[in-house]
PDB file of N, CA and C in Angstrom:
ATOM      1  N   MET A   1      10.756   7.793  27.927  1.00  0.00           N
ATOM      2  CA  MET A   1       9.458   7.189  27.664  1.00  0.00           C
ATOM      3  C   MET A   1       9.636   6.136  26.560  1.00  0.00           C
ATOM      4  N   SER A   2       9.050   4.975  26.774  1.00  0.00           N
ATOM      5  CA  SER A   2       9.204   3.882  25.810  1.00  0.00           C
ATOM      6  C   SER A   2       8.370   4.150  24.557  1.00  0.00           C
ATOM      7  N   VAL A   3       8.693   3.413  23.488  1.00  0.00           N
ATOM      8  CA  VAL A   3       7.913   3.505  22.250  1.00  0.00           C
ATOM      9  C   VAL A   3       6.448   3.216  22.561  1.00  0.00           C
ATOM     10  N   LYS A   4       6.211   2.157  23.329  1.00  0.00           N
ATOM     11  CA  LYS A   4       4.837   1.770  23.681  1.00  0.00           C
ATOM     12  C   LYS A   4       4.107   2.925  24.362  1.00  0.00           C
ATOM     13  N   ASP A   5       4.734   3.532  25.369  1.00  0.00           N
ATOM     14  CA  ASP A   5       4.089   4.627  26.106  1.00  0.00           C
ATOM     15  C   ASP A   5       3.832   5.832  25.210  1.00  0.00           C
ATOM     16  N   ARG A   6       4.776   6.127  24.315  1.00  0.00           N
ATOM     17  CA  ARG A   6       4.604   7.270  23.408  1.00  0.00           C
ATOM     18  C   ARG A   6       3.460   7.014  22.432  1.00  0.00           C
ATOM     19  N   VAL A   7       3.397   5.799  21.870  1.00  0.00           N
ATOM     20  CA  VAL A   7       2.324   5.467  20.923  1.00  0.00           C
ATOM     21  C   VAL A   7       0.973   5.507  21.633  1.00  0.00           C
ATOM     22  N   ILE A   8       0.908   4.933  22.829  1.00  0.00           N
ATOM     23  CA  ILE A   8      -0.348   4.942  23.593  1.00  0.00           C
ATOM     24  C   ILE A   8      -0.777   6.369  23.894  1.00  0.00           C
ATOM     25  N   ALA A   9       0.167   7.235  24.248  1.00  0.00           N
ATOM     26  CA  ALA A   9      -0.166   8.631  24.544  1.00  0.00           C
ATOM     27  C   ALA A   9      -0.742   9.325  23.312  1.00  0.00           C
ATOM     28  N   ILE A  10      -0.157   9.080  22.153  1.00  0.00           N
ATOM     29  CA  ILE A  10      -0.642   9.698  20.907  1.00  0.00           C
ATOM     30  C   ILE A  10      -2.037   9.174  20.573  1.00  0.00           C
ATOM     31  N   ILE A  11      -2.219   7.863  20.657  1.00  0.00           N
ATOM     32  CA  ILE A  11      -3.525   7.269  20.345  1.00  0.00           C
ATOM     33  C   ILE A  11      -4.582   7.756  21.338  1.00  0.00           C
ATOM     34  N   ALA A  12      -4.225   7.820  22.606  1.00  0.00           N
ATOM     35  CA  ALA A  12      -5.168   8.300  23.627  1.00  0.00           C
ATOM     36  C   ALA A  12      -5.587   9.737  23.332  1.00  0.00           C
ATOM     37  N   GLU A  13      -4.623  10.559  22.938  1.00  0.00           N
ATOM     38  CA  GLU A  13      -4.929  11.957  22.621  1.00  0.00           C
ATOM     39  C   GLU A  13      -5.917  12.027  21.451  1.00  0.00           C
ATOM     40  N   GLN A  14      -5.699  11.220  20.425  1.00  0.00           N
ATOM     41  CA  GLN A  14      -6.603  11.211  19.268  1.00  0.00           C
ATOM     42  C   GLN A  14      -7.998  10.729  19.660  1.00  0.00           C
ATOM     43  N   ALA A  15      -8.054   9.777  20.594  1.00  0.00           N
ATOM     44  CA  ALA A  15      -9.344   9.202  21.008  1.00  0.00           C
ATOM     45  C   ALA A  15     -10.011  10.019  22.114  1.00  0.00           C
ATOM     46  N   VAL A  16      -9.325  11.071  22.576  1.00  0.00           N
ATOM     47  CA  VAL A  16      -9.785  11.894  23.698  1.00  0.00           C
ATOM     48  C   VAL A  16     -10.054  10.994  24.918  1.00  0.00           C
ATOM     49  N   LEU A  17      -9.052  10.173  25.221  1.00  0.00           N
ATOM     50  CA  LEU A  17      -9.096   9.272  26.378  1.00  0.00           C
ATOM     51  C   LEU A  17      -7.847   9.479  27.208  1.00  0.00           C
ATOM     52  N   GLU A  18      -7.860   8.899  28.394  1.00  0.00           N
ATOM     53  CA  GLU A  18      -6.648   8.857  29.213  1.00  0.00           C
ATOM     54  C   GLU A  18      -5.782   7.700  28.703  1.00  0.00           C
ATOM     55  N   PRO A  19      -4.451   7.834  28.734  1.00  0.00           N
ATOM     56  CA  PRO A  19      -3.598   6.715  28.318  1.00  0.00           C
ATOM     57  C   PRO A  19      -3.930   5.415  29.049  1.00  0.00           C
ATOM     58  N   SER A  20      -4.385   5.513  30.287  1.00  0.00           N
ATOM     59  CA  SER A  20      -4.730   4.305  31.053  1.00  0.00           C
ATOM     60  C   SER A  20      -5.946   3.590  30.475  1.00  0.00           C
ATOM     61  N   ASP A  21      -6.732   4.286  29.641  1.00  0.00           N
ATOM     62  CA  ASP A  21      -7.902   3.675  28.999  1.00  0.00           C
ATOM     63  C   ASP A  21      -7.532   2.889  27.745  1.00  0.00           C
ATOM     64  N   VAL A  22      -6.291   3.050  27.280  1.00  0.00           N
ATOM     65  CA  VAL A  22      -5.836   2.391  26.056  1.00  0.00           C
ATOM     66  C   VAL A  22      -5.013   1.163  26.434  1.00  0.00           C
ATOM     67  N   THR A  23      -5.496  -0.017  26.047  1.00  0.00           N
ATOM     68  CA  THR A  23      -4.751  -1.243  26.327  1.00  0.00           C
ATOM     69  C   THR A  23      -4.096  -1.745  25.049  1.00  0.00           C
ATOM     70  N   MET A  24      -3.146  -2.639  25.211  1.00  0.00           N
ATOM     71  CA  MET A  24      -2.466  -3.208  24.046  1.00  0.00           C
ATOM     72  C   MET A  24      -3.442  -4.019  23.192  1.00  0.00           C
ATOM     73  N   ASP A  25      -4.515  -4.524  23.796  1.00  0.00           N
ATOM     74  CA  ASP A  25      -5.506  -5.314  23.059  1.00  0.00           C
ATOM     75  C   ASP A  25      -6.560  -4.445  22.376  1.00  0.00           C
ATOM     76  N   SER A  26      -6.584  -3.159  22.696  1.00  0.00           N
ATOM     77  CA  SER A  26      -7.589  -2.262  22.109  1.00  0.00           C
ATOM     78  C   SER A  26      -7.416  -2.178  20.600  1.00  0.00           C
ATOM     79  N   THR A  27      -8.538  -2.134  19.896  1.00  0.00           N
ATOM     80  CA  THR A  27      -8.489  -1.794  18.476  1.00  0.00           C
ATOM     81  C   THR A  27      -8.833  -0.314  18.374  1.00  0.00           C
ATOM     82  N   LEU A  28      -8.479   0.278  17.250  1.00  0.00           N
ATOM     83  CA  LEU A  28      -8.805   1.694  17.069  1.00  0.00           C
ATOM     84  C   LEU A  28     -10.318   1.883  17.077  1.00  0.00           C
ATOM     85  N   GLU A  29     -11.028   0.903  16.555  1.00  0.00           N
ATOM     86  CA  GLU A  29     -12.490   0.960  16.563  1.00  0.00           C
ATOM     87  C   GLU A  29     -13.019   0.954  18.001  1.00  0.00           C
ATOM     88  N   ASP A  30     -12.433   0.089  18.859  1.00  0.00           N
ATOM     89  CA  ASP A  30     -12.824   0.046  20.276  1.00  0.00           C
ATOM     90  C   ASP A  30     -12.684   1.426  20.912  1.00  0.00           C
ATOM     91  N   LEU A  31     -11.649   2.139  20.501  1.00  0.00           N
ATOM     92  CA  LEU A  31     -11.330   3.433  21.101  1.00  0.00           C
ATOM     93  C   LEU A  31     -12.102   4.583  20.463  1.00  0.00           C
ATOM     94  N   GLY A  32     -12.907   4.266  19.450  1.00  0.00           N
ATOM     95  CA  GLY A  32     -13.706   5.297  18.799  1.00  0.00           C
ATOM     96  C   GLY A  32     -12.927   6.142  17.812  1.00  0.00           C
ATOM     97  N   ILE A  33     -11.813   5.609  17.319  1.00  0.00           N
ATOM     98  CA  ILE A  33     -10.998   6.350  16.346  1.00  0.00           C
ATOM     99  C   ILE A  33     -11.478   5.995  14.945  1.00  0.00           C
ATOM    100  N   ASP A  34     -11.950   7.010  14.215  1.00  0.00           N
ATOM    101  CA  ASP A  34     -12.428   6.787  12.847  1.00  0.00           C
ATOM    102  C   ASP A  34     -11.263   6.919  11.868  1.00  0.00           C
ATOM    103  N   SER A  35     -11.566   6.855  10.587  1.00  0.00           N
ATOM    104  CA  SER A  35     -10.499   6.878   9.582  1.00  0.00           C
ATOM    105  C   SER A  35      -9.714   8.187   9.621  1.00  0.00           C
ATOM    106  N   LEU A  36     -10.394   9.297   9.867  1.00  0.00           N
ATOM    107  CA  LEU A  36      -9.678  10.577   9.964  1.00  0.00           C
ATOM    108  C   LEU A  36      -8.770  10.575  11.194  1.00  0.00           C
ATOM    109  N   GLY A  37      -9.292  10.076  12.310  1.00  0.00           N
ATOM    110  CA  GLY A  37      -8.476   9.983  13.526  1.00  0.00           C
ATOM    111  C   GLY A  37      -7.280   9.074  13.329  1.00  0.00           C
ATOM    112  N   LEU A  38      -7.477   8.011  12.552  1.00  0.00           N
ATOM    113  CA  LEU A  38      -6.377   7.092  12.251  1.00  0.00           C
ATOM    114  C   LEU A  38      -5.278   7.816  11.484  1.00  0.00           C
ATOM    115  N   VAL A  39      -5.666   8.555  10.452  1.00  0.00           N
ATOM    116  CA  VAL A  39      -4.681   9.284   9.650  1.00  0.00           C
ATOM    117  C   VAL A  39      -3.966  10.316  10.519  1.00  0.00           C
ATOM    118  N   GLU A  40      -4.715  11.024  11.367  1.00  0.00           N
ATOM    119  CA  GLU A  40      -4.091  12.005  12.262  1.00  0.00           C
ATOM    120  C   GLU A  40      -3.135  11.319  13.235  1.00  0.00           C
ATOM    121  N   SER A  41      -3.505  10.129  13.717  1.00  0.00           N
ATOM    122  CA  SER A  41      -2.636   9.370  14.620  1.00  0.00           C
ATOM    123  C   SER A  41      -1.345   8.977  13.910  1.00  0.00           C
ATOM    124  N   ILE A  42      -1.485   8.496  12.674  1.00  0.00           N
ATOM    125  CA  ILE A  42      -0.309   8.088  11.890  1.00  0.00           C
ATOM    126  C   ILE A  42       0.623   9.285  11.705  1.00  0.00           C
ATOM    127  N   PHE A  43       0.063  10.442  11.324  1.00  0.00           N
ATOM    128  CA  PHE A  43       0.890  11.646  11.137  1.00  0.00           C
ATOM    129  C   PHE A  43       1.589  12.022  12.443  1.00  0.00           C
ATOM    130  N   ALA A  44       0.862  11.974  13.552  1.00  0.00           N
ATOM    131  CA  ALA A  44       1.440  12.347  14.852  1.00  0.00           C
ATOM    132  C   ALA A  44       2.564  11.390  15.236  1.00  0.00           C
ATOM    133  N   ILE A  45       2.358  10.095  14.986  1.00  0.00           N
ATOM    134  CA  ILE A  45       3.381   9.098  15.302  1.00  0.00           C
ATOM    135  C   ILE A  45       4.605   9.315  14.414  1.00  0.00           C
ATOM    136  N   GLU A  46       4.385   9.547  13.122  1.00  0.00           N
ATOM    137  CA  GLU A  46       5.509   9.794  12.209  1.00  0.00           C
ATOM    138  C   GLU A  46       6.321  10.993  12.667  1.00  0.00           C
ATOM    139  N   GLU A  47       5.626  12.061  13.051  1.00  0.00           N
ATOM    140  CA  GLU A  47       6.312  13.280  13.482  1.00  0.00           C
ATOM    141  C   GLU A  47       7.073  13.042  14.789  1.00  0.00           C
ATOM    142  N   ASP A  48       6.447  12.370  15.737  1.00  0.00           N
ATOM    143  CA  ASP A  48       7.057  12.141  17.041  1.00  0.00           C
ATOM    144  C   ASP A  48       8.310  11.276  16.941  1.00  0.00           C
ATOM    145  N   PHE A  49       8.258  10.254  16.097  1.00  0.00           N
ATOM    146  CA  PHE A  49       9.372   9.313  15.983  1.00  0.00           C
ATOM    147  C   PHE A  49      10.294   9.604  14.807  1.00  0.00           C
ATOM    148  N   ASP A  50       9.947  10.602  13.983  1.00  0.00           N
ATOM    149  CA  ASP A  50      10.717  10.944  12.790  1.00  0.00           C
ATOM    150  C   ASP A  50      10.898   9.712  11.896  1.00  0.00           C
ATOM    151  N   ILE A  51       9.772   9.066  11.595  1.00  0.00           N
ATOM    152  CA  ILE A  51       9.774   7.893  10.721  1.00  0.00           C
ATOM    153  C   ILE A  51       8.685   8.070   9.672  1.00  0.00           C
ATOM    154  N   THR A  52       8.710   7.212   8.665  1.00  0.00           N
ATOM    155  CA  THR A  52       7.648   7.175   7.670  1.00  0.00           C
ATOM    156  C   THR A  52       6.973   5.825   7.763  1.00  0.00           C
ATOM    157  N   ILE A  53       5.691   5.828   7.980  1.00  0.00           N
ATOM    158  CA  ILE A  53       4.930   4.587   8.115  1.00  0.00           C
ATOM    159  C   ILE A  53       4.386   4.202   6.746  1.00  0.00           C
ATOM    160  N   PRO A  54       4.677   2.971   6.302  1.00  0.00           N
ATOM    161  CA  PRO A  54       4.173   2.529   4.996  1.00  0.00           C
ATOM    162  C   PRO A  54       2.688   2.201   5.101  1.00  0.00           C
ATOM    163  N   PHE A  55       1.887   3.240   5.063  1.00  0.00           N
ATOM    164  CA  PHE A  55       0.457   3.087   5.312  1.00  0.00           C
ATOM    165  C   PHE A  55      -0.331   3.681   4.168  1.00  0.00           C
ATOM    166  N   ASN A  56      -1.274   2.928   3.642  1.00  0.00           N
ATOM    167  CA  ASN A  56      -2.140   3.413   2.577  1.00  0.00           C
ATOM    168  C   ASN A  56      -3.480   3.787   3.200  1.00  0.00           C
ATOM    169  N   ALA A  57      -3.691   5.065   3.416  1.00  0.00           N
ATOM    170  CA  ALA A  57      -4.903   5.527   4.098  1.00  0.00           C
ATOM    171  C   ALA A  57      -6.170   5.173   3.323  1.00  0.00           C
ATOM    172  N   ASN A  58      -6.050   5.073   2.010  1.00  0.00           N
ATOM    173  CA  ASN A  58      -7.231   4.739   1.206  1.00  0.00           C
ATOM    174  C   ASN A  58      -7.562   3.253   1.251  1.00  0.00           C
ATOM    175  N   GLU A  59      -6.555   2.422   1.509  1.00  0.00           N
ATOM    176  CA  GLU A  59      -6.743   0.966   1.547  1.00  0.00           C
ATOM    177  C   GLU A  59      -6.004   0.380   2.748  1.00  0.00           C
ATOM    178  N   PRO A  60      -6.476   0.670   3.978  1.00  0.00           N
ATOM    179  CA  PRO A  60      -5.731   0.195   5.149  1.00  0.00           C
ATOM    180  C   PRO A  60      -5.526  -1.316   5.150  1.00  0.00           C
ATOM    181  N   SER A  61      -6.458  -2.065   4.587  1.00  0.00           N
ATOM    182  CA  SER A  61      -6.313  -3.523   4.576  1.00  0.00           C
ATOM    183  C   SER A  61      -5.225  -3.975   3.599  1.00  0.00           C
ATOM    184  N   GLU A  62      -4.860  -3.105   2.657  1.00  0.00           N
ATOM    185  CA  GLU A  62      -3.820  -3.433   1.671  1.00  0.00           C
ATOM    186  C   GLU A  62      -2.437  -2.990   2.147  1.00  0.00           C
ATOM    187  N   SER A  63      -2.393  -2.346   3.287  1.00  0.00           N
ATOM    188  CA  SER A  63      -1.142  -1.780   3.783  1.00  0.00           C
ATOM    189  C   SER A  63      -0.225  -2.844   4.362  1.00  0.00           C
ATOM    190  N   ASP A  64       1.077  -2.572   4.325  1.00  0.00           N
ATOM    191  CA  ASP A  64       2.056  -3.442   4.974  1.00  0.00           C
ATOM    192  C   ASP A  64       2.105  -3.188   6.475  1.00  0.00           C
ATOM    193  N   PHE A  65       1.430  -2.145   6.910  1.00  0.00           N
ATOM    194  CA  PHE A  65       1.484  -1.754   8.311  1.00  0.00           C
ATOM    195  C   PHE A  65       0.223  -2.230   9.016  1.00  0.00           C
ATOM    196  N   ASP A  66       0.390  -3.052  10.040  1.00  0.00           N
ATOM    197  CA  ASP A  66      -0.741  -3.671  10.745  1.00  0.00           C
ATOM    198  C   ASP A  66      -1.341  -2.697  11.756  1.00  0.00           C
ATOM    199  N   ILE A  67      -2.616  -2.367  11.560  1.00  0.00           N
ATOM    200  CA  ILE A  67      -3.307  -1.457  12.480  1.00  0.00           C
ATOM    201  C   ILE A  67      -4.437  -2.174  13.207  1.00  0.00           C
ATOM    202  N   SER A  68      -4.333  -3.505  13.316  1.00  0.00           N
ATOM    203  CA  SER A  68      -5.436  -4.279  13.883  1.00  0.00           C
ATOM    204  C   SER A  68      -5.619  -4.060  15.379  1.00  0.00           C
ATOM    205  N   SER A  69      -4.559  -3.675  16.080  1.00  0.00           N
ATOM    206  CA  SER A  69      -4.646  -3.417  17.517  1.00  0.00           C
ATOM    207  C   SER A  69      -3.527  -2.466  17.917  1.00  0.00           C
ATOM    208  N   VAL A  70      -3.637  -1.953  19.137  1.00  0.00           N
ATOM    209  CA  VAL A  70      -2.576  -1.070  19.651  1.00  0.00           C
ATOM    210  C   VAL A  70      -1.252  -1.839  19.699  1.00  0.00           C
ATOM    211  N   ALA A  71      -1.297  -3.108  20.111  1.00  0.00           N
ATOM    212  CA  ALA A  71      -0.072  -3.913  20.184  1.00  0.00           C
ATOM    213  C   ALA A  71       0.588  -4.035  18.814  1.00  0.00           C
ATOM    214  N   ALA A  72      -0.221  -4.256  17.771  1.00  0.00           N
ATOM    215  CA  ALA A  72       0.321  -4.382  16.414  1.00  0.00           C
ATOM    216  C   ALA A  72       0.947  -3.066  15.958  1.00  0.00           C
ATOM    217  N   ILE A  73       0.306  -1.957  16.287  1.00  0.00           N
ATOM    218  CA  ILE A  73       0.843  -0.648  15.919  1.00  0.00           C
ATOM    219  C   ILE A  73       2.169  -0.405  16.639  1.00  0.00           C
ATOM    220  N   VAL A  74       2.209  -0.694  17.936  1.00  0.00           N
ATOM    221  CA  VAL A  74       3.442  -0.516  18.717  1.00  0.00           C
ATOM    222  C   VAL A  74       4.557  -1.378  18.126  1.00  0.00           C
ATOM    223  N   ALA A  75       4.258  -2.639  17.808  1.00  0.00           N
ATOM    224  CA  ALA A  75       5.267  -3.537  17.235  1.00  0.00           C
ATOM    225  C   ALA A  75       5.784  -2.986  15.908  1.00  0.00           C
ATOM    226  N   GLY A  76       4.876  -2.472  15.090  1.00  0.00           N
ATOM    227  CA  GLY A  76       5.280  -1.899  13.807  1.00  0.00           C
ATOM    228  C   GLY A  76       6.164  -0.678  13.977  1.00  0.00           C
ATOM    229  N   ILE A  77       5.816   0.174  14.935  1.00  0.00           N
ATOM    230  CA  ILE A  77       6.615   1.381  15.193  1.00  0.00           C
ATOM    231  C   ILE A  77       7.992   0.989  15.722  1.00  0.00           C
ATOM    232  N   GLU A  78       8.029   0.027  16.654  1.00  0.00           N
ATOM    233  CA  GLU A  78       9.324  -0.417  17.199  1.00  0.00           C
ATOM    234  C   GLU A  78      10.221  -0.939  16.092  1.00  0.00           C
ATOM    235  N   LYS A  79       9.638  -1.680  15.151  1.00  0.00           N
ATOM    236  CA  LYS A  79      10.421  -2.223  14.031  1.00  0.00           C
ATOM    237  C   LYS A  79      10.960  -1.083  13.180  1.00  0.00           C
ATOM    238  N   LEU A  80      10.113  -0.108  12.839  1.00  0.00           N
ATOM    239  CA  LEU A  80      10.550   1.030  12.018  1.00  0.00           C
ATOM    240  C   LEU A  80      11.627   1.845  12.726  1.00  0.00           C
ATOM    241  N   VAL A  81      11.456   2.047  14.036  1.00  0.00           N
ATOM    242  CA  VAL A  81      12.441   2.822  14.800  1.00  0.00           C
ATOM    243  C   VAL A  81      13.785   2.074  14.832  1.00  0.00           C
ATOM    244  N   SER A  82      13.732   0.753  15.003  1.00  0.00           N
ATOM    245  CA  SER A  82      14.977  -0.023  15.075  1.00  0.00           C
ATOM    246  C   SER A  82      15.700  -0.058  13.729  1.00  0.00           C
ATOM    247  N   GLU A  83      14.943   0.064  12.629  1.00  0.00           N
ATOM    248  CA  GLU A  83      15.551   0.050  11.297  1.00  0.00           C
ATOM    249  C   GLU A  83      16.113   1.415  10.907  1.00  0.00           C
ATOM    250  N   LYS A  84      15.691   2.436  11.635  1.00  0.00           N
ATOM    251  CA  LYS A  84      16.128   3.806  11.321  1.00  0.00           C
ATOM    252  C   LYS A  84      17.559   3.994  11.828  1.00  0.00           C
ATOM    253  N   VAL A  85      18.415   4.336  10.939  1.00  0.00           N
ATOM    254  CA  VAL A  85      19.821   4.502  11.351  1.00  0.00           C
ATOM    255  C   VAL A  85      20.262   5.925  11.145  1.00  0.00           C
TER     256      VAL A  85
END
């Protein structure tokens, strides 16, 4: 399963949607994911990929990690996974 498919599956689970309902252009807000759901998604992604996401839950706009869309999240995860040695 690709990084994209795994991230979409995790986000879909948090949003209580089918993965087919989650597009790369979707924002977390579009999917009905609130701040708690976002934090739970981040934890689930970190656990699934065994990575640490540089994310400030208290100040998401101040974070180095882009959560503006599913595509941005996937790109960020792919970068972190590729840097993990």
